[in-house]
Amino acid sequence: MLCFNIIYTRIIQFILKKSELRKLISDYTLLKIKSKKHNVTAQLKEIKHRYFHETGRIISDDIN
């Protein structure tokens, strides 16, 4: 039973991480659209940094 709990929590953590990455990508695309009217460079930089830290990849490469 203990082994099942460990595996289950790792699966749940992976799913949460995947959803967090989707949220980062959606926030990034919305801010890119908004950047034409407002200055959101600091927020974009923070999202790029968080995405790179989590995945090791650049967010703009993954979107395109």
N, C-alpha and C. Protein backbone atom coordinates (compact mmCIF):
# COMPACT_ATOMS: atom_id res chain seq x y z
N MET A 1 0.82 -1.19 0.00
CA MET A 1 0.00 0.00 0.00
C MET A 1 0.87 1.26 0.00
N LEU A 2 1.96 1.23 0.73
CA LEU A 2 2.85 2.38 0.79
C LEU A 2 3.46 2.67 -0.57
N CYS A 3 3.84 1.62 -1.28
CA CYS A 3 4.41 1.78 -2.62
C CYS A 3 3.39 2.41 -3.56
N PHE A 4 2.14 2.00 -3.47
CA PHE A 4 1.09 2.57 -4.30
C PHE A 4 0.93 4.06 -4.02
N ASN A 5 0.96 4.44 -2.74
CA ASN A 5 0.81 5.86 -2.37
C ASN A 5 1.95 6.70 -2.93
N ILE A 6 3.16 6.19 -2.90
CA ILE A 6 4.30 6.93 -3.43
C ILE A 6 4.16 7.11 -4.94
N ILE A 7 3.81 6.05 -5.64
CA ILE A 7 3.63 6.13 -7.09
C ILE A 7 2.48 7.07 -7.43
N TYR A 8 1.38 6.97 -6.69
CA TYR A 8 0.21 7.81 -6.95
C TYR A 8 0.54 9.29 -6.74
N THR A 9 1.27 9.61 -5.68
CA THR A 9 1.62 11.02 -5.44
C THR A 9 2.56 11.54 -6.51
N ARG A 10 3.45 10.71 -7.01
CA ARG A 10 4.33 11.16 -8.09
C ARG A 10 3.55 11.42 -9.36
N ILE A 11 2.55 10.59 -9.65
CA ILE A 11 1.71 10.81 -10.83
C ILE A 11 0.93 12.10 -10.67
N ILE A 12 0.36 12.33 -9.50
CA ILE A 12 -0.41 13.55 -9.24
C ILE A 12 0.49 14.78 -9.37
N GLN A 13 1.71 14.72 -8.85
CA GLN A 13 2.63 15.84 -8.96
C GLN A 13 2.96 16.11 -10.42
N PHE A 14 3.12 15.07 -11.23
CA PHE A 14 3.42 15.25 -12.64
C PHE A 14 2.26 15.91 -13.36
N ILE A 15 1.03 15.49 -13.03
CA ILE A 15 -0.15 16.09 -13.66
C ILE A 15 -0.25 17.56 -13.28
N LEU A 16 -0.02 17.88 -12.02
CA LEU A 16 -0.07 19.27 -11.60
C LEU A 16 0.99 20.08 -12.31
N LYS A 17 2.15 19.51 -12.47
CA LYS A 17 3.22 20.22 -13.15
C LYS A 17 2.84 20.49 -14.60
N LYS A 18 2.21 19.51 -15.24
CA LYS A 18 1.79 19.67 -16.62
C LYS A 18 0.75 20.79 -16.74
N SER A 19 -0.17 20.84 -15.80
CA SER A 19 -1.20 21.88 -15.84
C SER A 19 -0.59 23.25 -15.56
N GLU A 20 0.41 23.29 -14.69
CA GLU A 20 1.09 24.56 -14.42
C GLU A 20 1.82 25.05 -15.67
N LEU A 21 2.41 24.13 -16.41
CA LEU A 21 3.09 24.52 -17.65
C LEU A 21 2.10 25.04 -18.68
N ARG A 22 0.94 24.39 -18.76
CA ARG A 22 -0.10 24.89 -19.67
C ARG A 22 -0.53 26.30 -19.27
N LYS A 23 -0.65 26.54 -17.98
CA LYS A 23 -1.04 27.86 -17.48
C LYS A 23 0.03 28.89 -17.84
N LEU A 24 1.30 28.54 -17.69
CA LEU A 24 2.38 29.45 -18.06
C LEU A 24 2.32 29.80 -19.54
N ILE A 25 2.08 28.80 -20.38
CA ILE A 25 2.01 29.04 -21.82
C ILE A 25 0.83 29.94 -22.15
N SER A 26 -0.32 29.70 -21.53
CA SER A 26 -1.48 30.55 -21.83
C SER A 26 -1.26 31.97 -21.33
N ASP A 27 -0.64 32.12 -20.15
CA ASP A 27 -0.33 33.47 -19.65
C ASP A 27 0.64 34.19 -20.58
N TYR A 28 1.62 33.45 -21.08
CA TYR A 28 2.61 34.04 -21.98
C TYR A 28 1.96 34.54 -23.26
N THR A 29 1.10 33.73 -23.85
CA THR A 29 0.46 34.14 -25.10
C THR A 29 -0.47 35.33 -24.89
N LEU A 30 -1.19 35.36 -23.77
CA LEU A 30 -2.06 36.50 -23.48
C LEU A 30 -1.25 37.77 -23.26
N LEU A 31 -0.13 37.65 -22.56
CA LEU A 31 0.71 38.83 -22.34
C LEU A 31 1.37 39.31 -23.62
N LYS A 32 1.69 38.39 -24.52
CA LYS A 32 2.26 38.81 -25.81
C LYS A 32 1.26 39.64 -26.58
N ILE A 33 -0.01 39.26 -26.54
CA ILE A 33 -1.06 40.03 -27.21
C ILE A 33 -1.22 41.38 -26.52
N LYS A 34 -1.19 41.38 -25.21
CA LYS A 34 -1.39 42.60 -24.43
C LYS A 34 -0.19 43.54 -24.55
N SER A 35 0.98 43.01 -24.88
CA SER A 35 2.21 43.81 -24.89
C SER A 35 2.19 44.91 -25.94
N LYS A 36 1.31 44.82 -26.90
CA LYS A 36 1.24 45.86 -27.91
C LYS A 36 0.66 47.15 -27.35
N LYS A 37 -0.15 47.04 -26.28
CA LYS A 37 -0.78 48.22 -25.69
C LYS A 37 -0.18 48.61 -24.34
N HIS A 38 0.40 47.65 -23.62
CA HIS A 38 0.92 47.91 -22.28
C HIS A 38 2.34 47.38 -22.17
N ASN A 39 3.05 47.88 -21.17
CA ASN A 39 4.42 47.42 -20.92
C ASN A 39 4.36 46.23 -19.96
N VAL A 40 4.56 45.05 -20.48
CA VAL A 40 4.50 43.83 -19.68
C VAL A 40 5.80 43.04 -19.79
N THR A 41 6.90 43.70 -20.08
CA THR A 41 8.17 43.00 -20.29
C THR A 41 8.64 42.29 -19.03
N ALA A 42 8.43 42.87 -17.86
CA ALA A 42 8.87 42.23 -16.62
C ALA A 42 8.10 40.93 -16.39
N GLN A 43 6.81 40.94 -16.65
CA GLN A 43 6.00 39.74 -16.47
C GLN A 43 6.39 38.67 -17.49
N LEU A 44 6.64 39.08 -18.73
CA LEU A 44 7.06 38.12 -19.76
C LEU A 44 8.40 37.49 -19.40
N LYS A 45 9.31 38.30 -18.89
CA LYS A 45 10.63 37.81 -18.51
C LYS A 45 10.51 36.79 -17.38
N GLU A 46 9.63 37.06 -16.41
CA GLU A 46 9.44 36.14 -15.30
C GLU A 46 8.85 34.81 -15.78
N ILE A 47 7.88 34.86 -16.69
CA ILE A 47 7.28 33.64 -17.22
C ILE A 47 8.31 32.84 -18.02
N LYS A 48 9.11 33.52 -18.84
CA LYS A 48 10.16 32.84 -19.60
C LYS A 48 11.14 32.14 -18.67
N HIS A 49 11.52 32.83 -17.60
CA HIS A 49 12.47 32.26 -16.64
C HIS A 49 11.87 31.03 -15.94
N ARG A 50 10.62 31.14 -15.49
CA ARG A 50 9.98 30.02 -14.81
C ARG A 50 9.83 28.81 -15.74
N TYR A 51 9.45 29.05 -16.99
CA TYR A 51 9.28 27.96 -17.95
C TYR A 51 10.62 27.29 -18.23
N PHE A 52 11.66 28.09 -18.41
CA PHE A 52 12.99 27.52 -18.67
C PHE A 52 13.47 26.73 -17.46
N HIS A 53 13.22 27.24 -16.26
CA HIS A 53 13.64 26.56 -15.05
C HIS A 53 12.93 25.21 -14.90
N GLU A 54 11.66 25.15 -15.26
CA GLU A 54 10.89 23.92 -15.12
C GLU A 54 11.21 22.89 -16.21
N THR A 55 11.41 23.35 -17.45
CA THR A 55 11.54 22.41 -18.56
C THR A 55 12.93 22.33 -19.16
N GLY A 56 13.70 23.40 -19.04
CA GLY A 56 15.00 23.43 -19.70
C GLY A 56 14.89 23.85 -21.15
N ARG A 57 13.70 24.26 -21.56
CA ARG A 57 13.46 24.69 -22.93
C ARG A 57 12.98 26.14 -22.94
N ILE A 58 13.08 26.77 -24.10
CA ILE A 58 12.64 28.15 -24.26
C ILE A 58 11.17 28.14 -24.67
N ILE A 59 10.37 28.96 -24.01
CA ILE A 59 8.92 28.94 -24.22
C ILE A 59 8.54 29.35 -25.64
N SER A 60 9.23 30.32 -26.20
CA SER A 60 8.88 30.77 -27.54
C SER A 60 9.14 29.68 -28.59
N ASP A 61 10.14 28.84 -28.35
CA ASP A 61 10.39 27.72 -29.27
C ASP A 61 9.30 26.66 -29.18
N ASP A 62 8.79 26.43 -27.98
CA ASP A 62 7.75 25.42 -27.79
C ASP A 62 6.40 25.87 -28.33
N ILE A 63 6.14 27.17 -28.32
CA ILE A 63 4.87 27.67 -28.82
C ILE A 63 4.83 27.64 -30.33
N ASN A 64 5.91 28.03 -30.96
CA ASN A 64 5.94 28.09 -32.43
C ASN A 64 6.15 26.76 -33.04
